[in-house]
């Protein structure tokens, strides 16, 4: 249930005011040292998982990881390399490709694949076999300032994830010095709107359907209770 915070839903990027995207570019470039951010000067490579493919079981099975990481994530990387070959984006970093194509209908395919490579890499690091539980004290303090308590923050993340219509993502972000929960559809990512992503939950069906079928809420709640990587949020906050 929603409490004091409002969950924000972003419109599709190809309708977003391009000024928001331009403002977000500076944030993307500044995030080069953040965990989970890919930088490449040539062909993009599938980054290794930060844990074994069975490490998130039983919440997320090795079977799901095999398809999600080995097929979907790899597919975005392969598609991106094909799409940018011989173009002005061929030698750009992933972040520059995202900011250079966001909001441009004629570049939608490149944006979607680049953003999905970034989103998935960030998602894997948002999870940990030793996740869940209480956030580190410094993160907990920031959560309490913005949400009142950790449980409210988790409930808002769960609400964003379960109410996202169709495919998309639920995010904990830093926006103007305050933590908030937002959700995005398809490949959209809040950093193009000038927000700093801290954690994300993937709610595309391929993230959970083999293990949970249509029970998205069960998947989301299990991730928040047992896998969410609060230490990754601390790293992204520079704590």
Protein backbone atom coordinates (compact mmCIF):
# COMPACT_ATOMS: atom_id res chain seq x y z
CA UNK A 1 0.00 0.00 0.00
CA UNK A 2 1.11 3.54 -0.59
CA UNK A 3 1.78 5.65 2.46
CA UNK A 4 3.35 9.10 2.39
CA UNK A 5 5.39 8.79 -0.79
CA UNK A 6 4.03 9.04 -4.31
CA UNK A 7 5.19 6.48 -6.84
CA UNK A 8 6.08 8.11 -10.13
CA UNK A 9 5.45 6.50 -13.50
CA UNK A 10 7.47 7.82 -16.42
CA UNK A 11 5.88 8.26 -19.84
CA UNK A 12 7.57 6.60 -22.80
CA UNK A 13 10.93 8.17 -23.61
CA UNK A 14 9.97 9.01 -27.14
CA UNK A 15 7.41 11.42 -25.71
CA UNK A 16 9.58 12.76 -22.92
CA UNK A 17 10.68 16.35 -23.00
CA UNK A 18 14.19 16.10 -24.41
CA UNK A 19 15.37 18.69 -21.93
CA UNK A 20 14.99 16.05 -19.20
CA UNK A 21 17.18 13.69 -21.16
CA UNK A 22 19.83 16.33 -21.68
CA UNK A 23 19.84 17.12 -17.98
CA UNK A 24 20.29 13.45 -17.23
CA UNK A 25 23.36 13.16 -19.45
CA UNK A 26 25.63 14.81 -16.92
CA UNK A 27 24.50 12.32 -14.29
CA UNK A 28 25.22 9.39 -16.57
CA UNK A 29 28.75 10.53 -17.22
CA UNK A 30 29.30 11.12 -13.50
CA UNK A 31 28.21 7.54 -12.77
CA UNK A 32 31.22 6.02 -14.51
CA UNK A 33 32.66 4.76 -11.23
CA UNK A 34 29.36 3.33 -9.93
CA UNK A 35 29.06 -0.46 -9.66
CA UNK A 36 26.92 -1.89 -12.42
CA UNK A 37 27.69 0.83 -14.97
CA UNK A 38 29.22 -0.40 -18.21
CA UNK A 39 31.81 1.59 -20.09
CA UNK A 40 33.10 0.42 -23.44
CA UNK A 41 35.06 2.04 -26.23
CA UNK A 42 34.52 -0.79 -28.74
CA UNK A 43 32.14 -3.75 -28.88
CA UNK A 44 30.05 -4.22 -25.78
CA UNK A 45 30.43 -7.45 -23.86
CA UNK A 46 28.08 -9.35 -21.60
CA UNK A 47 29.36 -8.62 -18.08
CA UNK A 48 29.78 -11.60 -15.76
CA UNK A 49 27.18 -12.26 -13.10
CA UNK A 50 28.38 -11.21 -9.63
CA UNK A 51 27.46 -14.68 -8.29
CA UNK A 52 26.85 -18.24 -9.50
CA UNK A 53 23.67 -18.82 -11.50
CA UNK A 54 22.32 -20.98 -8.66
CA UNK A 55 23.20 -18.50 -5.90
CA UNK A 56 19.77 -16.82 -5.75
CA UNK A 57 17.84 -20.08 -5.39
CA UNK A 58 15.19 -20.79 -4.20
CA UNK A 59 13.90 -17.23 -4.72
CA UNK A 60 15.20 -17.15 -8.31
CA UNK A 61 16.17 -20.49 -9.79
CA UNK A 62 19.24 -21.30 -11.84
CA UNK A 63 16.81 -22.14 -14.66
CA UNK A 64 15.44 -18.60 -14.64
CA UNK A 65 18.94 -17.11 -14.45
CA UNK A 66 19.99 -19.29 -17.38
CA UNK A 67 17.28 -17.87 -19.62
CA UNK A 68 17.21 -14.34 -18.21
CA UNK A 69 20.94 -13.73 -18.18
CA UNK A 70 22.10 -16.24 -20.78
CA UNK A 71 19.42 -15.53 -23.39
CA UNK A 72 17.71 -12.17 -22.75
CA UNK A 73 20.61 -10.12 -21.37
CA UNK A 74 23.03 -11.64 -23.89
CA UNK A 75 20.52 -10.95 -26.65
CA UNK A 76 20.41 -7.24 -25.82
CA UNK A 77 24.22 -7.08 -25.94
CA UNK A 78 24.38 -8.88 -29.27
CA UNK A 79 21.59 -6.76 -30.76
CA UNK A 80 23.22 -3.55 -29.59
CA UNK A 81 26.53 -4.44 -31.21
CA UNK A 82 24.77 -5.20 -34.50
CA UNK A 83 22.70 -2.02 -34.39
CA UNK A 84 25.59 0.37 -33.69
CA UNK A 85 28.08 -1.21 -36.11
CA UNK A 86 29.08 1.35 -38.72
CA UNK A 87 27.13 4.17 -37.05
CA UNK A 88 28.12 7.25 -35.08
CA UNK A 89 27.49 5.22 -31.91
CA UNK A 90 29.89 2.38 -32.74
CA UNK A 91 32.75 3.55 -30.52
CA UNK A 92 30.75 5.24 -27.78
CA UNK A 93 30.35 4.10 -24.20
CA UNK A 94 27.04 2.58 -23.19
CA UNK A 95 26.06 5.72 -21.28
CA UNK A 96 26.74 7.98 -24.27
CA UNK A 97 24.68 5.72 -26.49
CA UNK A 98 21.76 5.91 -24.04
CA UNK A 99 21.84 9.70 -23.76
CA UNK A 100 22.46 10.12 -27.48
CA UNK A 101 19.42 8.06 -28.48
CA UNK A 102 16.91 8.70 -25.67
CA UNK A 103 13.75 10.39 -26.90
CA UNK A 104 14.62 9.92 -30.58
CA UNK A 105 12.06 7.74 -32.33
CA UNK A 106 14.43 6.93 -35.18
CA UNK A 107 16.96 5.59 -32.66
CA UNK A 108 14.46 3.64 -30.54
CA UNK A 109 15.95 0.23 -31.31
CA UNK A 110 19.45 1.32 -30.30
CA UNK A 111 18.15 3.01 -27.15
CA UNK A 112 16.04 0.03 -26.11
CA UNK A 113 18.90 -2.44 -26.42
CA UNK A 114 21.50 -0.15 -24.82
CA UNK A 115 19.19 0.70 -21.92
CA UNK A 116 18.30 -2.94 -21.39
CA UNK A 117 21.97 -3.90 -21.21
CA UNK A 118 22.44 -1.19 -18.57
CA UNK A 119 19.23 -2.05 -16.70
CA UNK A 120 20.01 -5.75 -16.50
CA UNK A 121 23.58 -5.23 -15.33
CA UNK A 122 22.22 -2.91 -12.64
CA UNK A 123 19.52 -5.43 -11.70
CA UNK A 124 21.96 -8.30 -11.14
CA UNK A 125 23.91 -6.10 -8.75
CA UNK A 126 20.71 -5.04 -7.00
CA UNK A 127 20.39 -8.65 -5.83
CA UNK A 128 22.62 -10.66 -3.51
CA UNK A 129 22.54 -14.19 -2.09
CA UNK A 130 23.07 -12.48 1.27
CA UNK A 131 20.55 -9.70 0.60
CA UNK A 132 17.37 -8.68 2.37
CA UNK A 133 17.28 -7.82 6.03
CA UNK A 134 18.18 -4.42 7.40
CA UNK A 135 20.03 -1.85 5.28
CA UNK A 136 23.38 -0.52 6.50
CA UNK A 137 22.87 2.19 9.10
CA UNK A 138 23.78 5.06 6.77
CA UNK A 139 21.27 3.86 4.15
CA UNK A 140 18.66 3.20 6.81
CA UNK A 141 18.95 6.78 8.06
CA UNK A 142 18.38 8.17 4.57
CA UNK A 143 15.41 5.84 4.06
CA UNK A 144 13.89 6.99 7.36
CA UNK A 145 14.25 10.65 6.36
CA UNK A 146 12.44 10.06 3.05
CA UNK A 147 9.96 7.28 3.90
CA UNK A 148 9.66 7.22 7.68
CA UNK A 149 10.94 3.64 7.98
CA UNK A 150 12.38 0.77 5.96
CA UNK A 151 9.10 -1.15 5.84
CA UNK A 152 7.34 1.76 4.14
CA UNK A 153 10.14 1.98 1.58
CA UNK A 154 9.81 -1.74 0.84
CA UNK A 155 6.02 -1.48 0.55
CA UNK A 156 6.36 1.34 -1.96
CA UNK A 157 8.86 -0.63 -3.99
CA UNK A 158 6.49 -3.60 -3.93
CA UNK A 159 3.57 -1.41 -5.00
CA UNK A 160 5.56 0.11 -7.86
CA UNK A 161 6.70 -3.33 -9.03
CA UNK A 162 3.31 -5.00 -8.84
CA UNK A 163 1.32 -2.14 -10.38
CA UNK A 164 3.64 -1.52 -13.33
CA UNK A 165 1.36 -2.41 -16.25
CA UNK A 166 3.16 -4.77 -18.58
CA UNK A 167 6.93 -4.96 -18.72
CA UNK A 168 9.16 -2.59 -16.81
CA UNK A 169 11.11 -1.79 -13.68
CA UNK A 170 10.65 -0.53 -10.13
CA UNK A 171 13.45 1.69 -8.81
CA UNK A 172 14.73 3.23 -5.61
CA UNK A 173 16.36 6.48 -6.71
CA UNK A 174 17.97 9.60 -5.35
CA UNK A 175 16.16 12.65 -6.69
CA UNK A 176 17.21 16.11 -5.61
CA UNK A 177 18.75 14.87 -2.38
CA UNK A 178 15.73 12.75 -1.41
CA UNK A 179 15.07 9.05 -1.87
CA UNK A 180 11.94 8.08 -3.77
CA UNK A 181 10.38 5.15 -5.60
CA UNK A 182 9.64 5.35 -9.32
CA UNK A 183 8.66 2.88 -12.00
CA UNK A 184 9.46 2.81 -15.70
CA UNK A 185 8.01 0.89 -18.60
CA UNK A 186 9.88 -1.34 -21.03
CA UNK A 187 13.52 -0.14 -21.31
CA UNK A 188 13.06 3.31 -19.79
CA UNK A 189 15.50 4.23 -17.05
CA UNK A 190 15.22 7.09 -14.51
CA UNK A 191 18.77 8.31 -14.93
CA UNK A 192 17.79 10.00 -18.21
CA UNK A 193 15.48 12.19 -16.12
CA UNK A 194 18.33 13.29 -13.86
CA UNK A 195 17.71 10.74 -11.09
CA UNK A 196 20.36 8.47 -9.62
CA UNK A 197 19.28 4.81 -9.53
CA UNK A 198 20.12 3.00 -6.30
CA UNK A 199 18.31 -0.35 -6.69
CA UNK A 200 15.95 -1.91 -9.20
CA UNK A 201 13.52 -4.83 -9.51
CA UNK A 202 12.92 -6.25 -12.98
CA UNK A 203 9.23 -6.99 -13.61
CA UNK A 204 9.48 -8.17 -17.19
CA UNK A 205 7.80 -11.60 -17.23
CA UNK A 206 11.04 -13.36 -18.15
CA UNK A 207 12.41 -12.28 -14.75
CA UNK A 208 9.98 -14.44 -12.81
CA UNK A 209 7.55 -16.46 -14.95
CA UNK A 210 9.42 -19.78 -14.91
CA UNK A 211 9.43 -19.73 -11.09
CA UNK A 212 6.22 -17.86 -10.23
CA UNK A 213 4.02 -17.92 -13.36
CA UNK A 214 1.52 -15.05 -12.95
CA UNK A 215 2.31 -14.48 -9.25
CA UNK A 216 4.40 -11.35 -9.72
CA UNK A 217 3.70 -10.16 -6.17
CA UNK A 218 5.20 -13.33 -4.70
CA UNK A 219 8.39 -12.80 -6.71
CA UNK A 220 8.62 -9.14 -5.75
CA UNK A 221 8.07 -9.75 -2.05
CA UNK A 222 10.59 -12.60 -1.99
CA UNK A 223 13.20 -10.39 -3.67
CA UNK A 224 12.62 -7.58 -1.18
CA UNK A 225 12.71 -9.92 1.82
CA UNK A 226 15.63 -12.14 0.83
CA UNK A 227 17.70 -10.79 -2.06
CA UNK A 228 17.62 -6.98 -2.25
CA UNK A 229 21.18 -5.70 -2.01
CA UNK A 230 21.14 -2.71 0.33
CA UNK A 231 24.94 -2.59 0.20
CA UNK A 232 24.71 -1.83 -3.52
CA UNK A 233 22.44 1.10 -2.70
CA UNK A 234 25.04 2.29 -0.20
CA UNK A 235 27.73 2.08 -2.90
CA UNK A 236 25.58 4.09 -5.32
CA UNK A 237 25.01 6.71 -2.63
CA UNK A 238 28.74 6.89 -2.00
CA UNK A 239 28.35 5.76 1.61
